[in-house]
mmCIF file of all heavy atoms, coordinates in Angstrom:
data_MODEL
# 
_entry.id   MODEL 
# 
loop_
_atom_site.group_PDB 
_atom_site.id 
_atom_site.type_symbol 
_atom_site.label_atom_id 
_atom_site.label_alt_id 
_atom_site.label_comp_id 
_atom_site.label_asym_id 
_atom_site.label_entity_id 
_atom_site.label_seq_id 
_atom_site.pdbx_PDB_ins_code 
_atom_site.Cartn_x 
_atom_site.Cartn_y 
_atom_site.Cartn_z 
_atom_site.occupancy 
_atom_site.B_iso_or_equiv 
_atom_site.pdbx_formal_charge 
_atom_site.auth_seq_id 
_atom_site.auth_comp_id 
_atom_site.auth_asym_id 
_atom_site.auth_atom_id 
_atom_site.pdbx_PDB_model_num 
ATOM 1   N N   . ARG A 1 1  ? 109.612 117.958 74.491 1.00 0.00 ? 1  ARG A N   1 
ATOM 2   C CA  . ARG A 1 1  ? 108.911 117.630 73.277 1.00 0.00 ? 1  ARG A CA  1 
ATOM 3   C C   . ARG A 1 1  ? 109.772 117.763 71.966 1.00 0.00 ? 1  ARG A C   1 
ATOM 4   O O   . ARG A 1 1  ? 109.557 118.196 71.057 1.00 0.00 ? 1  ARG A O   1 
ATOM 5   C CB  . ARG A 1 1  ? 107.832 118.794 72.942 1.00 0.00 ? 1  ARG A CB  1 
ATOM 6   C CG  . ARG A 1 1  ? 108.492 120.205 72.893 1.00 0.00 ? 1  ARG A CG  1 
ATOM 7   C CD  . ARG A 1 1  ? 107.364 121.202 72.880 1.00 0.00 ? 1  ARG A CD  1 
ATOM 8   N NE  . ARG A 1 1  ? 107.871 122.532 72.503 1.00 0.00 ? 1  ARG A NE  1 
ATOM 9   C CZ  . ARG A 1 1  ? 108.300 123.418 73.469 1.00 0.00 ? 1  ARG A CZ  1 
ATOM 10  N NH1 . ARG A 1 1  ? 108.586 122.977 74.795 1.00 0.00 ? 1  ARG A NH1 1 
ATOM 11  N NH2 . ARG A 1 1  ? 108.792 124.656 73.059 1.00 0.00 ? 1  ARG A NH2 1 
ATOM 12  N N   . LEU A 1 2  ? 111.040 117.332 72.305 1.00 0.00 ? 2  LEU A N   1 
ATOM 13  C CA  . LEU A 1 2  ? 112.184 117.408 71.322 1.00 0.00 ? 2  LEU A CA  1 
ATOM 14  C C   . LEU A 1 2  ? 112.764 116.030 70.768 1.00 0.00 ? 2  LEU A C   1 
ATOM 15  O O   . LEU A 1 2  ? 112.764 115.169 71.587 1.00 0.00 ? 2  LEU A O   1 
ATOM 16  C CB  . LEU A 1 2  ? 113.445 118.349 71.887 1.00 0.00 ? 2  LEU A CB  1 
ATOM 17  C CG  . LEU A 1 2  ? 112.925 119.786 72.386 1.00 0.00 ? 2  LEU A CG  1 
ATOM 18  C CD1 . LEU A 1 2  ? 114.129 120.344 73.006 1.00 0.00 ? 2  LEU A CD1 1 
ATOM 19  C CD2 . LEU A 1 2  ? 112.572 120.589 71.149 1.00 0.00 ? 2  LEU A CD2 1 
ATOM 20  N N   . PRO A 1 3  ? 113.175 116.068 69.601 1.00 0.00 ? 3  PRO A N   1 
ATOM 21  C CA  . PRO A 1 3  ? 113.805 114.887 69.172 1.00 0.00 ? 3  PRO A CA  1 
ATOM 22  C C   . PRO A 1 3  ? 115.272 114.753 69.771 1.00 0.00 ? 3  PRO A C   1 
ATOM 23  O O   . PRO A 1 3  ? 115.819 115.794 70.294 1.00 0.00 ? 3  PRO A O   1 
ATOM 24  C CB  . PRO A 1 3  ? 114.078 115.144 67.672 1.00 0.00 ? 3  PRO A CB  1 
ATOM 25  C CG  . PRO A 1 3  ? 113.924 116.655 67.519 1.00 0.00 ? 3  PRO A CG  1 
ATOM 26  C CD  . PRO A 1 3  ? 113.073 117.146 68.567 1.00 0.00 ? 3  PRO A CD  1 
ATOM 27  N N   . LYS A 1 4  ? 115.799 113.620 69.770 1.00 0.00 ? 4  LYS A N   1 
ATOM 28  C CA  . LYS A 1 4  ? 117.099 113.278 70.517 1.00 0.00 ? 4  LYS A CA  1 
ATOM 29  C C   . LYS A 1 4  ? 118.081 114.166 69.870 1.00 0.00 ? 4  LYS A C   1 
ATOM 30  O O   . LYS A 1 4  ? 119.135 114.612 70.742 1.00 0.00 ? 4  LYS A O   1 
ATOM 31  C CB  . LYS A 1 4  ? 117.273 111.765 70.298 1.00 0.00 ? 4  LYS A CB  1 
ATOM 32  C CG  . LYS A 1 4  ? 118.558 111.442 71.002 1.00 0.00 ? 4  LYS A CG  1 
ATOM 33  C CD  . LYS A 1 4  ? 118.833 109.905 70.814 1.00 0.00 ? 4  LYS A CD  1 
ATOM 34  C CE  . LYS A 1 4  ? 120.102 109.349 71.543 1.00 0.00 ? 4  LYS A CE  1 
ATOM 35  N NZ  . LYS A 1 4  ? 120.346 107.997 71.301 1.00 0.00 ? 4  LYS A NZ  1 
ATOM 36  N N   . ILE A 1 5  ? 118.057 114.479 68.584 1.00 0.00 ? 5  ILE A N   1 
ATOM 37  C CA  . ILE A 1 5  ? 119.241 115.160 68.013 1.00 0.00 ? 5  ILE A CA  1 
ATOM 38  C C   . ILE A 1 5  ? 119.350 116.582 68.534 1.00 0.00 ? 5  ILE A C   1 
ATOM 39  O O   . ILE A 1 5  ? 120.450 117.168 68.664 1.00 0.00 ? 5  ILE A O   1 
ATOM 40  C CB  . ILE A 1 5  ? 118.926 115.260 66.460 1.00 0.00 ? 5  ILE A CB  1 
ATOM 41  C CG1 . ILE A 1 5  ? 120.337 115.761 65.822 1.00 0.00 ? 5  ILE A CG1 1 
ATOM 42  C CG2 . ILE A 1 5  ? 117.804 115.993 66.173 1.00 0.00 ? 5  ILE A CG2 1 
ATOM 43  C CD1 . ILE A 1 5  ? 120.276 115.613 64.338 1.00 0.00 ? 5  ILE A CD1 1 
ATOM 44  N N   . ALA A 1 6  ? 118.300 117.122 68.939 1.00 0.00 ? 6  ALA A N   1 
ATOM 45  C CA  . ALA A 1 6  ? 118.275 118.527 69.490 1.00 0.00 ? 6  ALA A CA  1 
ATOM 46  C C   . ALA A 1 6  ? 119.028 118.425 70.915 1.00 0.00 ? 6  ALA A C   1 
ATOM 47  O O   . ALA A 1 6  ? 119.773 119.383 71.208 1.00 0.00 ? 6  ALA A O   1 
ATOM 48  C CB  . ALA A 1 6  ? 116.889 118.981 69.679 1.00 0.00 ? 6  ALA A CB  1 
ATOM 49  N N   . PHE A 1 7  ? 118.674 117.409 71.721 1.00 0.00 ? 7  PHE A N   1 
ATOM 50  C CA  . PHE A 1 7  ? 119.414 117.325 73.038 1.00 0.00 ? 7  PHE A CA  1 
ATOM 51  C C   . PHE A 1 7  ? 120.776 117.128 72.925 1.00 0.00 ? 7  PHE A C   1 
ATOM 52  O O   . PHE A 1 7  ? 121.554 117.713 73.708 1.00 0.00 ? 7  PHE A O   1 
ATOM 53  C CB  . PHE A 1 7  ? 118.826 116.345 73.995 1.00 0.00 ? 7  PHE A CB  1 
ATOM 54  C CG  . PHE A 1 7  ? 117.394 116.694 74.502 1.00 0.00 ? 7  PHE A CG  1 
ATOM 55  C CD1 . PHE A 1 7  ? 116.227 116.401 73.977 1.00 0.00 ? 7  PHE A CD1 1 
ATOM 56  C CD2 . PHE A 1 7  ? 117.415 117.503 75.717 1.00 0.00 ? 7  PHE A CD2 1 
ATOM 57  C CE1 . PHE A 1 7  ? 115.062 116.828 74.596 1.00 0.00 ? 7  PHE A CE1 1 
ATOM 58  C CE2 . PHE A 1 7  ? 116.342 118.031 76.245 1.00 0.00 ? 7  PHE A CE2 1 
ATOM 59  C CZ  . PHE A 1 7  ? 115.087 117.576 75.694 1.00 0.00 ? 7  PHE A CZ  1 
ATOM 60  N N   . GLU A 1 8  ? 121.256 116.369 71.945 1.00 0.00 ? 8  GLU A N   1 
ATOM 61  C CA  . GLU A 1 8  ? 122.629 116.049 71.664 1.00 0.00 ? 8  GLU A CA  1 
ATOM 62  C C   . GLU A 1 8  ? 123.410 117.313 71.362 1.00 0.00 ? 8  GLU A C   1 
ATOM 63  O O   . GLU A 1 8  ? 124.550 117.515 71.716 1.00 0.00 ? 8  GLU A O   1 
ATOM 64  C CB  . GLU A 1 8  ? 122.790 114.951 70.572 1.00 0.00 ? 8  GLU A CB  1 
ATOM 65  C CG  . GLU A 1 8  ? 122.258 113.560 71.010 1.00 0.00 ? 8  GLU A CG  1 
ATOM 66  C CD  . GLU A 1 8  ? 122.365 112.623 69.914 1.00 0.00 ? 8  GLU A CD  1 
ATOM 67  O OE1 . GLU A 1 8  ? 122.576 113.010 68.737 1.00 0.00 ? 8  GLU A OE1 1 
ATOM 68  O OE2 . GLU A 1 8  ? 122.416 111.417 70.200 1.00 0.00 ? 8  GLU A OE2 1 
ATOM 69  N N   . ALA A 1 9  ? 122.819 118.272 70.364 1.00 0.00 ? 9  ALA A N   1 
ATOM 70  C CA  . ALA A 1 9  ? 123.431 119.440 70.001 1.00 0.00 ? 9  ALA A CA  1 
ATOM 71  C C   . ALA A 1 9  ? 123.495 120.331 71.352 1.00 0.00 ? 9  ALA A C   1 
ATOM 72  O O   . ALA A 1 9  ? 124.634 121.007 71.449 1.00 0.00 ? 9  ALA A O   1 
ATOM 73  C CB  . ALA A 1 9  ? 122.476 120.200 69.109 1.00 0.00 ? 9  ALA A CB  1 
ATOM 74  N N   . VAL A 1 10 ? 122.449 120.437 72.205 1.00 0.00 ? 10 VAL A N   1 
ATOM 75  C CA  . VAL A 1 10 ? 122.698 121.081 73.474 1.00 0.00 ? 10 VAL A CA  1 
ATOM 76  C C   . VAL A 1 10 ? 123.767 120.596 74.311 1.00 0.00 ? 10 VAL A C   1 
ATOM 77  O O   . VAL A 1 10 ? 124.467 121.376 74.824 1.00 0.00 ? 10 VAL A O   1 
ATOM 78  C CB  . VAL A 1 10 ? 121.368 121.142 74.184 1.00 0.00 ? 10 VAL A CB  1 
ATOM 79  C CG1 . VAL A 1 10 ? 121.415 121.797 75.511 1.00 0.00 ? 10 VAL A CG1 1 
ATOM 80  C CG2 . VAL A 1 10 ? 120.120 121.820 73.447 1.00 0.00 ? 10 VAL A CG2 1 
ATOM 81  N N   . ARG A 1 11 ? 123.808 119.310 74.543 1.00 0.00 ? 11 ARG A N   1 
ATOM 82  C CA  . ARG A 1 11 ? 124.830 118.799 75.366 1.00 0.00 ? 11 ARG A CA  1 
ATOM 83  C C   . ARG A 1 11 ? 126.220 119.064 74.816 1.00 0.00 ? 11 ARG A C   1 
ATOM 84  O O   . ARG A 1 11 ? 127.186 119.401 75.613 1.00 0.00 ? 11 ARG A O   1 
ATOM 85  C CB  . ARG A 1 11 ? 124.686 117.200 75.386 1.00 0.00 ? 11 ARG A CB  1 
ATOM 86  C CG  . ARG A 1 11 ? 123.591 116.709 76.388 1.00 0.00 ? 11 ARG A CG  1 
ATOM 87  C CD  . ARG A 1 11 ? 123.795 115.395 76.772 1.00 0.00 ? 11 ARG A CD  1 
ATOM 88  N NE  . ARG A 1 11 ? 122.755 114.933 77.693 1.00 0.00 ? 11 ARG A NE  1 
ATOM 89  C CZ  . ARG A 1 11 ? 121.732 114.286 77.223 1.00 0.00 ? 11 ARG A CZ  1 
ATOM 90  N NH1 . ARG A 1 11 ? 121.631 113.878 75.911 1.00 0.00 ? 11 ARG A NH1 1 
ATOM 91  N NH2 . ARG A 1 11 ? 120.712 113.845 77.970 1.00 0.00 ? 11 ARG A NH2 1 
ATOM 92  N N   . ARG A 1 12 ? 126.351 118.966 73.467 1.00 0.00 ? 12 ARG A N   1 
ATOM 93  C CA  . ARG A 1 12 ? 127.742 119.167 72.822 1.00 0.00 ? 12 ARG A CA  1 
ATOM 94  C C   . ARG A 1 12 ? 128.067 120.736 73.235 1.00 0.00 ? 12 ARG A C   1 
ATOM 95  O O   . ARG A 1 12 ? 129.324 120.884 73.515 1.00 0.00 ? 12 ARG A O   1 
ATOM 96  C CB  . ARG A 1 12 ? 127.705 119.027 71.510 1.00 0.00 ? 12 ARG A CB  1 
ATOM 97  C CG  . ARG A 1 12 ? 127.898 117.547 71.045 1.00 0.00 ? 12 ARG A CG  1 
ATOM 98  C CD  . ARG A 1 12 ? 128.189 117.181 69.619 1.00 0.00 ? 12 ARG A CD  1 
ATOM 99  N NE  . ARG A 1 12 ? 126.990 117.599 68.671 1.00 0.00 ? 12 ARG A NE  1 
ATOM 100 C CZ  . ARG A 1 12 ? 126.115 116.800 68.325 1.00 0.00 ? 12 ARG A CZ  1 
ATOM 101 N NH1 . ARG A 1 12 ? 126.131 115.601 68.711 1.00 0.00 ? 12 ARG A NH1 1 
ATOM 102 N NH2 . ARG A 1 12 ? 125.081 117.327 67.608 1.00 0.00 ? 12 ARG A NH2 1 
ATOM 103 N N   . ALA A 1 13 ? 127.329 121.641 73.040 1.00 0.00 ? 13 ALA A N   1 
ATOM 104 C CA  . ALA A 1 13 ? 127.553 122.993 73.266 1.00 0.00 ? 13 ALA A CA  1 
ATOM 105 C C   . ALA A 1 13 ? 127.871 123.212 74.786 1.00 0.00 ? 13 ALA A C   1 
ATOM 106 O O   . ALA A 1 13 ? 128.841 123.943 75.084 1.00 0.00 ? 13 ALA A O   1 
ATOM 107 C CB  . ALA A 1 13 ? 126.423 123.893 72.781 1.00 0.00 ? 13 ALA A CB  1 
ATOM 108 N N   . LEU A 1 14 ? 126.962 122.726 75.605 1.00 0.00 ? 14 LEU A N   1 
ATOM 109 C CA  . LEU A 1 14 ? 127.228 122.869 77.152 1.00 0.00 ? 14 LEU A CA  1 
ATOM 110 C C   . LEU A 1 14 ? 128.611 122.119 77.537 1.00 0.00 ? 14 LEU A C   1 
ATOM 111 O O   . LEU A 1 14 ? 129.349 122.822 78.259 1.00 0.00 ? 14 LEU A O   1 
ATOM 112 C CB  . LEU A 1 14 ? 126.154 122.400 77.857 1.00 0.00 ? 14 LEU A CB  1 
ATOM 113 C CG  . LEU A 1 14 ? 124.763 123.076 77.682 1.00 0.00 ? 14 LEU A CG  1 
ATOM 114 C CD1 . LEU A 1 14 ? 123.671 122.372 78.357 1.00 0.00 ? 14 LEU A CD1 1 
ATOM 115 C CD2 . LEU A 1 14 ? 124.779 124.492 77.977 1.00 0.00 ? 14 LEU A CD2 1 
ATOM 116 N N   . ASP A 1 15 ? 128.855 121.116 77.042 1.00 0.00 ? 15 ASP A N   1 
ATOM 117 C CA  . ASP A 1 15 ? 130.155 120.395 77.350 1.00 0.00 ? 15 ASP A CA  1 
ATOM 118 C C   . ASP A 1 15 ? 131.380 121.210 76.967 1.00 0.00 ? 15 ASP A C   1 
ATOM 119 O O   . ASP A 1 15 ? 132.406 121.115 77.477 1.00 0.00 ? 15 ASP A O   1 
ATOM 120 C CB  . ASP A 1 15 ? 130.150 119.002 76.682 1.00 0.00 ? 15 ASP A CB  1 
ATOM 121 C CG  . ASP A 1 15 ? 129.232 118.049 77.378 1.00 0.00 ? 15 ASP A CG  1 
ATOM 122 O OD1 . ASP A 1 15 ? 128.800 118.412 78.437 1.00 0.00 ? 15 ASP A OD1 1 
ATOM 123 O OD2 . ASP A 1 15 ? 128.899 117.040 76.810 1.00 0.00 ? 15 ASP A OD2 1 
ATOM 124 N N   . ALA A 1 16 ? 131.088 122.054 75.769 1.00 0.00 ? 16 ALA A N   1 
ATOM 125 C CA  . ALA A 1 16 ? 132.287 122.866 75.289 1.00 0.00 ? 16 ALA A CA  1 
ATOM 126 C C   . ALA A 1 16 ? 132.259 124.225 75.990 1.00 0.00 ? 16 ALA A C   1 
ATOM 127 O O   . ALA A 1 16 ? 133.014 125.183 75.631 1.00 0.00 ? 16 ALA A O   1 
ATOM 128 C CB  . ALA A 1 16 ? 132.153 123.098 73.940 1.00 0.00 ? 16 ALA A CB  1 
ATOM 129 N N   . ASP A 1 17 ? 131.423 124.379 77.049 1.00 0.00 ? 17 ASP A N   1 
ATOM 130 C CA  . ASP A 1 17 ? 131.390 125.529 77.750 1.00 0.00 ? 17 ASP A CA  1 
ATOM 131 C C   . ASP A 1 17 ? 130.826 126.750 76.860 1.00 0.00 ? 17 ASP A C   1 
ATOM 132 O O   . ASP A 1 17 ? 131.269 127.838 77.143 1.00 0.00 ? 17 ASP A O   1 
ATOM 133 C CB  . ASP A 1 17 ? 132.674 125.931 78.483 1.00 0.00 ? 17 ASP A CB  1 
ATOM 134 C CG  . ASP A 1 17 ? 132.422 126.851 79.741 1.00 0.00 ? 17 ASP A CG  1 
ATOM 135 O OD1 . ASP A 1 17 ? 131.458 126.955 80.288 1.00 0.00 ? 17 ASP A OD1 1 
ATOM 136 O OD2 . ASP A 1 17 ? 133.427 127.664 79.843 1.00 0.00 ? 17 ASP A OD2 1 
ATOM 137 N N   . LYS A 1 18 ? 129.803 126.401 76.010 1.00 0.00 ? 18 LYS A N   1 
ATOM 138 C CA  . LYS A 1 18 ? 129.293 127.511 75.180 1.00 0.00 ? 18 LYS A CA  1 
ATOM 139 C C   . LYS A 1 18 ? 127.759 127.767 75.582 1.00 0.00 ? 18 LYS A C   1 
ATOM 140 O O   . LYS A 1 18 ? 127.137 126.689 75.832 1.00 0.00 ? 18 LYS A O   1 
ATOM 141 C CB  . LYS A 1 18 ? 129.400 127.148 73.735 1.00 0.00 ? 18 LYS A CB  1 
ATOM 142 C CG  . LYS A 1 18 ? 130.983 127.118 73.321 1.00 0.00 ? 18 LYS A CG  1 
ATOM 143 C CD  . LYS A 1 18 ? 131.661 128.278 73.446 1.00 0.00 ? 18 LYS A CD  1 
ATOM 144 C CE  . LYS A 1 18 ? 131.097 129.337 72.318 1.00 0.00 ? 18 LYS A CE  1 
ATOM 145 N NZ  . LYS A 1 18 ? 131.894 130.656 72.522 1.00 0.00 ? 18 LYS A NZ  1 
ATOM 146 N N   . PRO A 1 19 ? 127.359 128.876 75.382 1.00 0.00 ? 19 PRO A N   1 
ATOM 147 C CA  . PRO A 1 19 ? 125.879 129.034 75.676 1.00 0.00 ? 19 PRO A CA  1 
ATOM 148 C C   . PRO A 1 19 ? 125.067 128.431 74.575 1.00 0.00 ? 19 PRO A C   1 
ATOM 149 O O   . PRO A 1 19 ? 125.606 128.348 73.352 1.00 0.00 ? 19 PRO A O   1 
ATOM 150 C CB  . PRO A 1 19 ? 125.670 130.621 75.865 1.00 0.00 ? 19 PRO A CB  1 
ATOM 151 C CG  . PRO A 1 19 ? 126.857 131.080 74.902 1.00 0.00 ? 19 PRO A CG  1 
ATOM 152 C CD  . PRO A 1 19 ? 127.966 130.132 75.157 1.00 0.00 ? 19 PRO A CD  1 
ATOM 153 N N   . VAL A 1 20 ? 123.762 128.182 74.930 1.00 0.00 ? 20 VAL A N   1 
ATOM 154 C CA  . VAL A 1 20 ? 122.822 127.637 73.937 1.00 0.00 ? 20 VAL A CA  1 
ATOM 155 C C   . VAL A 1 20 ? 121.609 128.522 73.868 1.00 0.00 ? 20 VAL A C   1 
ATOM 156 O O   . VAL A 1 20 ? 120.993 128.977 74.882 1.00 0.00 ? 20 VAL A O   1 
ATOM 157 C CB  . VAL A 1 20 ? 122.262 126.156 74.359 1.00 0.00 ? 20 VAL A CB  1 
ATOM 158 C CG1 . VAL A 1 20 ? 121.159 125.731 73.458 1.00 0.00 ? 20 VAL A CG1 1 
ATOM 159 C CG2 . VAL A 1 20 ? 123.500 125.142 74.411 1.00 0.00 ? 20 VAL A CG2 1 
ATOM 160 N N   . LEU A 1 21 ? 121.206 128.777 72.617 1.00 0.00 ? 21 LEU A N   1 
ATOM 161 C CA  . LEU A 1 21 ? 120.010 129.661 72.410 1.00 0.00 ? 21 LEU A CA  1 
ATOM 162 C C   . LEU A 1 21 ? 118.863 128.880 71.989 1.00 0.00 ? 21 LEU A C   1 
ATOM 163 O O   . LEU A 1 21 ? 118.957 127.967 71.046 1.00 0.00 ? 21 LEU A O   1 
ATOM 164 C CB  . LEU A 1 21 ? 120.374 130.805 71.313 1.00 0.00 ? 21 LEU A CB  1 
ATOM 165 C CG  . LEU A 1 21 ? 119.344 131.688 70.862 1.00 0.00 ? 21 LEU A CG  1 
ATOM 166 C CD1 . LEU A 1 21 ? 118.765 132.592 72.124 1.00 0.00 ? 21 LEU A CD1 1 
ATOM 167 C CD2 . LEU A 1 21 ? 119.754 132.584 69.863 1.00 0.00 ? 21 LEU A CD2 1 
ATOM 168 N N   . ILE A 1 22 ? 117.713 129.112 72.486 1.00 0.00 ? 22 ILE A N   1 
ATOM 169 C CA  . ILE A 1 22 ? 116.404 128.397 71.999 1.00 0.00 ? 22 ILE A CA  1 
ATOM 170 C C   . ILE A 1 22 ? 115.541 129.388 71.775 1.00 0.00 ? 22 ILE A C   1 
ATOM 171 O O   . ILE A 1 22 ? 115.072 130.196 72.681 1.00 0.00 ? 22 ILE A O   1 
ATOM 172 C CB  . ILE A 1 22 ? 115.932 127.396 73.281 1.00 0.00 ? 22 ILE A CB  1 
ATOM 173 C CG1 . ILE A 1 22 ? 116.995 126.478 73.637 1.00 0.00 ? 22 ILE A CG1 1 
ATOM 174 C CG2 . ILE A 1 22 ? 114.766 126.716 72.940 1.00 0.00 ? 22 ILE A CG2 1 
ATOM 175 C CD1 . ILE A 1 22 ? 116.706 125.647 74.901 1.00 0.00 ? 22 ILE A CD1 1 
ATOM 176 N N   . GLN A 1 23 ? 115.029 129.419 70.449 1.00 0.00 ? 23 GLN A N   1 
ATOM 177 C CA  . GLN A 1 23 ? 114.146 130.397 70.051 1.00 0.00 ? 23 GLN A CA  1 
ATOM 178 C C   . GLN A 1 23 ? 112.592 129.651 70.001 1.00 0.00 ? 23 GLN A C   1 
ATOM 179 O O   . GLN A 1 23 ? 112.416 128.634 69.276 1.00 0.00 ? 23 GLN A O   1 
ATOM 180 C CB  . GLN A 1 23 ? 114.383 130.887 68.714 1.00 0.00 ? 23 GLN A CB  1 
ATOM 181 C CG  . GLN A 1 23 ? 113.515 132.012 68.161 1.00 0.00 ? 23 GLN A CG  1 
ATOM 182 C CD  . GLN A 1 23 ? 113.582 132.189 66.608 1.00 0.00 ? 23 GLN A CD  1 
ATOM 183 O OE1 . GLN A 1 23 ? 113.026 131.542 65.826 1.00 0.00 ? 23 GLN A OE1 1 
ATOM 184 N NE2 . GLN A 1 23 ? 114.433 133.258 66.348 1.00 0.00 ? 23 GLN A NE2 1 
ATOM 185 N N   . VAL A 1 24 ? 111.638 130.391 70.772 1.00 0.00 ? 24 VAL A N   1 
ATOM 186 C CA  . VAL A 1 24 ? 110.316 129.872 70.664 1.00 0.00 ? 24 VAL A CA  1 
ATOM 187 C C   . VAL A 1 24 ? 109.373 131.027 70.286 1.00 0.00 ? 24 VAL A C   1 
ATOM 188 O O   . VAL A 1 24 ? 109.721 132.314 70.504 1.00 0.00 ? 24 VAL A O   1 
ATOM 189 C CB  . VAL A 1 24 ? 109.830 129.350 72.152 1.00 0.00 ? 24 VAL A CB  1 
ATOM 190 C CG1 . VAL A 1 24 ? 110.576 128.101 72.412 1.00 0.00 ? 24 VAL A CG1 1 
ATOM 191 C CG2 . VAL A 1 24 ? 110.095 130.359 73.244 1.00 0.00 ? 24 VAL A CG2 1 
ATOM 192 N N   . PRO A 1 25 ? 108.264 130.791 69.509 1.00 0.00 ? 25 PRO A N   1 
ATOM 193 C CA  . PRO A 1 25 ? 107.641 131.974 68.973 1.00 0.00 ? 25 PRO A CA  1 
ATOM 194 C C   . PRO A 1 25 ? 107.031 132.989 69.894 1.00 0.00 ? 25 PRO A C   1 
ATOM 195 O O   . PRO A 1 25 ? 106.757 134.007 69.572 1.00 0.00 ? 25 PRO A O   1 
ATOM 196 C CB  . PRO A 1 25 ? 106.572 131.174 68.283 1.00 0.00 ? 25 PRO A CB  1 
ATOM 197 C CG  . PRO A 1 25 ? 107.016 129.783 67.802 1.00 0.00 ? 25 PRO A CG  1 
ATOM 198 C CD  . PRO A 1 25 ? 107.783 129.552 69.052 1.00 0.00 ? 25 PRO A CD  1 
ATOM 199 N N   . ARG A 1 26 ? 106.615 132.499 71.119 1.00 0.00 ? 26 ARG A N   1 
ATOM 200 C CA  . ARG A 1 26 ? 105.873 133.347 72.002 1.00 0.00 ? 26 ARG A CA  1 
ATOM 201 C C   . ARG A 1 26 ? 106.356 133.191 73.437 1.00 0.00 ? 26 ARG A C   1 
ATOM 202 O O   . ARG A 1 26 ? 106.933 132.192 73.831 1.00 0.00 ? 26 ARG A O   1 
ATOM 203 C CB  . ARG A 1 26 ? 104.385 133.017 71.888 1.00 0.00 ? 26 ARG A CB  1 
ATOM 204 C CG  . ARG A 1 26 ? 103.816 133.253 70.605 1.00 0.00 ? 26 ARG A CG  1 
ATOM 205 C CD  . ARG A 1 26 ? 102.396 132.837 70.559 1.00 0.00 ? 26 ARG A CD  1 
ATOM 206 N NE  . ARG A 1 26 ? 101.724 132.927 69.180 1.00 0.00 ? 26 ARG A NE  1 
ATOM 207 C CZ  . ARG A 1 26 ? 100.485 132.649 68.874 1.00 0.00 ? 26 ARG A CZ  1 
ATOM 208 N NH1 . ARG A 1 26 ? 99.752  132.242 69.931 1.00 0.00 ? 26 ARG A NH1 1 
ATOM 209 N NH2 . ARG A 1 26 ? 100.112 132.666 67.692 1.00 0.00 ? 26 ARG A NH2 1 
ATOM 210 N N   . LYS A 1 27 ? 106.036 134.288 74.212 1.00 0.00 ? 27 LYS A N   1 
ATOM 211 C CA  . LYS A 1 27 ? 106.403 134.209 75.623 1.00 0.00 ? 27 LYS A CA  1 
ATOM 212 C C   . LYS A 1 27 ? 105.338 133.473 76.377 1.00 0.00 ? 27 LYS A C   1 
ATOM 213 O O   . LYS A 1 27 ? 104.241 133.081 75.799 1.00 0.00 ? 27 LYS A O   1 
ATOM 214 C CB  . LYS A 1 27 ? 106.607 135.670 76.236 1.00 0.00 ? 27 LYS A CB  1 
ATOM 215 C CG  . LYS A 1 27 ? 105.456 136.497 76.052 1.00 0.00 ? 27 LYS A CG  1 
ATOM 216 C CD  . LYS A 1 27 ? 105.672 137.885 76.621 1.00 0.00 ? 27 LYS A CD  1 
ATOM 217 C CE  . LYS A 1 27 ? 104.555 138.737 76.539 1.00 0.00 ? 27 LYS A CE  1 
ATOM 218 N NZ  . LYS A 1 27 ? 103.389 138.406 77.467 1.00 0.00 ? 27 LYS A NZ  1 
ATOM 219 N N   . GLY A 1 28 ? 105.471 133.238 77.673 1.00 0.00 ? 28 GLY A N   1 
ATOM 220 C CA  . GLY A 1 28 ? 104.416 132.647 78.444 1.00 0.00 ? 28 GLY A CA  1 
ATOM 221 C C   . GLY A 1 28 ? 104.623 131.225 78.565 1.00 0.00 ? 28 GLY A C   1 
ATOM 222 O O   . GLY A 1 28 ? 105.634 130.635 78.680 1.00 0.00 ? 28 GLY A O   1 
# 
């Protein structure tokens, strides 16, 4: 459910061997 720019940011971080944090309002 994400725009392309969000996936690109995730890819860049993972390619640099860095962790990615995703904050969602609720568990479940």
